[in-house]
Amino acid sequence: MSEDKKKREKQTLKLWRKYDTLVWYARKNPEKILENSPREIYEGMMKGLERCEKKYPRECKSLNDPERSDWTHGFNTGMLAALTLIMDKNLNMDLDNVWL
């Protein structure tokens, strides 16, 4: 594999993880999880939300803004879908192991 292709794969995977994390963040409802899940699940989710807010503060602020959240979530979801397609079709990456 060429160095250029390795670099593109690494950059694409980094972006895919970013948008996957932001879509995950937008779909979480702490109150509902607290009501319907064991305490350790809730605590793990809260830690994940905090990590996301530290890593992507501007994006999370936009997701929490009622005037911008729908557009931002739609953009993030679209980016995730496009990057998944690129990884699958153009880079022939194994999508089953992207978090390993």
C-alpha atoms as a PDB file:
ATOM      1  CA  MET A   1       0.000   0.000   0.000  1.00  0.00           C
ATOM      2  CA  SER A   2       1.371   3.422  -0.922  1.00  0.00           C
ATOM      3  CA  GLU A   3       2.187   6.012   1.720  1.00  0.00           C
ATOM      4  CA  ASP A   4      -0.350   8.355   0.125  1.00  0.00           C
ATOM      5  CA  LYS A   5      -3.141   5.784   0.480  1.00  0.00           C
ATOM      6  CA  LYS A   6      -2.156   5.086   4.109  1.00  0.00           C
ATOM      7  CA  LYS A   7      -2.274   8.818   4.829  1.00  0.00           C
ATOM      8  CA  ARG A   8      -5.720   9.159   3.204  1.00  0.00           C
ATOM      9  CA  GLU A   9      -7.032   6.168   5.165  1.00  0.00           C
ATOM     10  CA  LYS A  10      -5.736   7.598   8.431  1.00  0.00           C
ATOM     11  CA  GLN A  11      -7.262  11.038   7.752  1.00  0.00           C
ATOM     12  CA  THR A  12     -10.580   9.539   6.657  1.00  0.00           C
ATOM     13  CA  LEU A  13     -10.753   7.262   9.703  1.00  0.00           C
ATOM     14  CA  LYS A  14     -10.014  10.212  12.013  1.00  0.00           C
ATOM     15  CA  LEU A  15     -12.885  12.199  10.482  1.00  0.00           C
ATOM     16  CA  TRP A  16     -15.194   9.159  10.562  1.00  0.00           C
ATOM     17  CA  ARG A  17     -14.554   8.702  14.287  1.00  0.00           C
ATOM     18  CA  LYS A  18     -15.205  12.403  14.896  1.00  0.00           C
ATOM     19  CA  TYR A  19     -18.585  12.379  13.174  1.00  0.00           C
ATOM     20  CA  ASP A  20     -19.536   9.002  14.641  1.00  0.00           C
ATOM     21  CA  THR A  21     -18.842  10.411  18.107  1.00  0.00           C
ATOM     22  CA  LEU A  22     -20.841  13.582  17.420  1.00  0.00           C
ATOM     23  CA  VAL A  23     -23.832  11.599  16.105  1.00  0.00           C
ATOM     24  CA  TRP A  24     -23.628   9.387  19.211  1.00  0.00           C
ATOM     25  CA  TYR A  25     -23.486  12.519  21.407  1.00  0.00           C
ATOM     26  CA  ALA A  26     -26.561  14.060  19.765  1.00  0.00           C
ATOM     27  CA  ARG A  27     -28.612  10.884  20.260  1.00  0.00           C
ATOM     28  CA  LYS A  28     -28.032  10.618  24.008  1.00  0.00           C
ATOM     29  CA  ASN A  29     -30.719  11.604  26.497  1.00  0.00           C
ATOM     30  CA  PRO A  30     -29.231  11.447  30.016  1.00  0.00           C
ATOM     31  CA  GLU A  31     -32.598  11.687  31.791  1.00  0.00           C
ATOM     32  CA  LYS A  32     -34.071   8.796  29.822  1.00  0.00           C
ATOM     33  CA  ILE A  33     -30.942   6.664  30.309  1.00  0.00           C
ATOM     34  CA  LEU A  34     -30.993   7.358  34.053  1.00  0.00           C
ATOM     35  CA  GLU A  35     -34.625   6.232  34.267  1.00  0.00           C
ATOM     36  CA  ASN A  36     -34.244   3.087  32.170  1.00  0.00           C
ATOM     37  CA  SER A  37     -30.697   1.787  32.671  1.00  0.00           C
ATOM     38  CA  PRO A  38     -28.439   0.594  35.464  1.00  0.00           C
ATOM     39  CA  ARG A  39     -26.428   3.314  37.197  1.00  0.00           C
ATOM     40  CA  GLU A  40     -23.105   2.119  35.702  1.00  0.00           C
ATOM     41  CA  ILE A  41     -24.508   2.519  32.166  1.00  0.00           C
ATOM     42  CA  TYR A  42     -25.593   6.066  32.982  1.00  0.00           C
ATOM     43  CA  GLU A  43     -22.225   6.920  34.523  1.00  0.00           C
ATOM     44  CA  GLY A  44     -20.341   5.513  31.528  1.00  0.00           C
ATOM     45  CA  MET A  45     -22.507   7.513  29.157  1.00  0.00           C
ATOM     46  CA  MET A  46     -21.923  10.705  31.155  1.00  0.00           C
ATOM     47  CA  LYS A  47     -18.154  10.151  30.979  1.00  0.00           C
ATOM     48  CA  GLY A  48     -18.458   9.666  27.226  1.00  0.00           C
ATOM     49  CA  LEU A  49     -20.474  12.869  26.877  1.00  0.00           C
ATOM     50  CA  GLU A  50     -17.864  14.793  28.885  1.00  0.00           C
ATOM     51  CA  ARG A  51     -15.025  13.409  26.731  1.00  0.00           C
ATOM     52  CA  CYS A  52     -16.900  14.449  23.605  1.00  0.00           C
ATOM     53  CA  GLU A  53     -17.490  17.964  24.976  1.00  0.00           C
ATOM     54  CA  LYS A  54     -13.783  18.324  25.793  1.00  0.00           C
ATOM     55  CA  LYS A  55     -12.629  17.027  22.421  1.00  0.00           C
ATOM     56  CA  TYR A  56     -15.227  18.849  20.277  1.00  0.00           C
ATOM     57  CA  PRO A  57     -16.433  21.844  22.350  1.00  0.00           C
ATOM     58  CA  ARG A  58     -17.591  23.997  19.422  1.00  0.00           C
ATOM     59  CA  GLU A  59     -19.514  21.157  17.794  1.00  0.00           C
ATOM     60  CA  CYS A  60     -21.173  20.109  21.074  1.00  0.00           C
ATOM     61  CA  LYS A  61     -22.142  23.705  21.809  1.00  0.00           C
ATOM     62  CA  SER A  62     -23.849  23.841  18.420  1.00  0.00           C
ATOM     63  CA  LEU A  63     -25.625  20.519  19.090  1.00  0.00           C
ATOM     64  CA  ASN A  64     -26.960  21.950  22.360  1.00  0.00           C
ATOM     65  CA  ASP A  65     -28.167  25.199  20.761  1.00  0.00           C
ATOM     66  CA  PRO A  66     -31.909  24.876  19.984  1.00  0.00           C
ATOM     67  CA  GLU A  67     -31.551  27.191  16.973  1.00  0.00           C
ATOM     68  CA  ARG A  68     -28.678  25.217  15.418  1.00  0.00           C
ATOM     69  CA  SER A  69     -28.970  21.663  16.702  1.00  0.00           C
ATOM     70  CA  ASP A  70     -31.127  20.241  13.894  1.00  0.00           C
ATOM     71  CA  TRP A  71     -28.863  21.600  11.155  1.00  0.00           C
ATOM     72  CA  THR A  72     -25.702  20.538  13.000  1.00  0.00           C
ATOM     73  CA  HIS A  73     -26.980  17.024  13.658  1.00  0.00           C
ATOM     74  CA  GLY A  74     -28.045  16.707  10.021  1.00  0.00           C
ATOM     75  CA  PHE A  75     -24.614  17.850   8.852  1.00  0.00           C
ATOM     76  CA  ASN A  76     -22.831  15.427  11.193  1.00  0.00           C
ATOM     77  CA  THR A  77     -25.049  12.552  10.082  1.00  0.00           C
ATOM     78  CA  GLY A  78     -24.439  13.378   6.432  1.00  0.00           C
ATOM     79  CA  MET A  79     -20.679  13.528   6.979  1.00  0.00           C
ATOM     80  CA  LEU A  80     -20.765  10.167   8.755  1.00  0.00           C
ATOM     81  CA  ALA A  81     -22.710   8.613   5.876  1.00  0.00           C
ATOM     82  CA  ALA A  82     -20.418  10.098   3.218  1.00  0.00           C
ATOM     83  CA  LEU A  83     -17.264   9.023   5.032  1.00  0.00           C
ATOM     84  CA  THR A  84     -18.659   5.520   5.517  1.00  0.00           C
ATOM     85  CA  LEU A  85     -19.299   5.300   1.781  1.00  0.00           C
ATOM     86  CA  ILE A  86     -15.783   6.561   0.989  1.00  0.00           C
ATOM     87  CA  MET A  87     -14.212   4.092   3.392  1.00  0.00           C
ATOM     88  CA  ASP A  88     -16.236   1.207   2.020  1.00  0.00           C
ATOM     89  CA  LYS A  89     -16.133   1.892  -1.715  1.00  0.00           C
ATOM     90  CA  ASN A  90     -13.030   3.980  -2.410  1.00  0.00           C
ATOM     91  CA  LEU A  91     -10.571   2.871   0.246  1.00  0.00           C
ATOM     92  CA  ASN A  92     -11.874  -0.693   0.662  1.00  0.00           C
ATOM     93  CA  MET A  93     -11.499  -0.387   4.431  1.00  0.00           C
ATOM     94  CA  ASP A  94     -12.892  -2.989   6.814  1.00  0.00           C
ATOM     95  CA  LEU A  95     -15.765  -1.118   8.471  1.00  0.00           C
ATOM     96  CA  ASP A  96     -16.373  -3.861  11.033  1.00  0.00           C
ATOM     97  CA  ASN A  97     -13.140  -3.010  12.838  1.00  0.00           C
ATOM     98  CA  VAL A  98     -12.928   0.800  12.726  1.00  0.00           C
ATOM     99  CA  TRP A  99     -12.900   1.114  16.538  1.00  0.00           C
ATOM    100  CA  LEU A 100     -10.274  -1.578  17.115  1.00  0.00           C
END
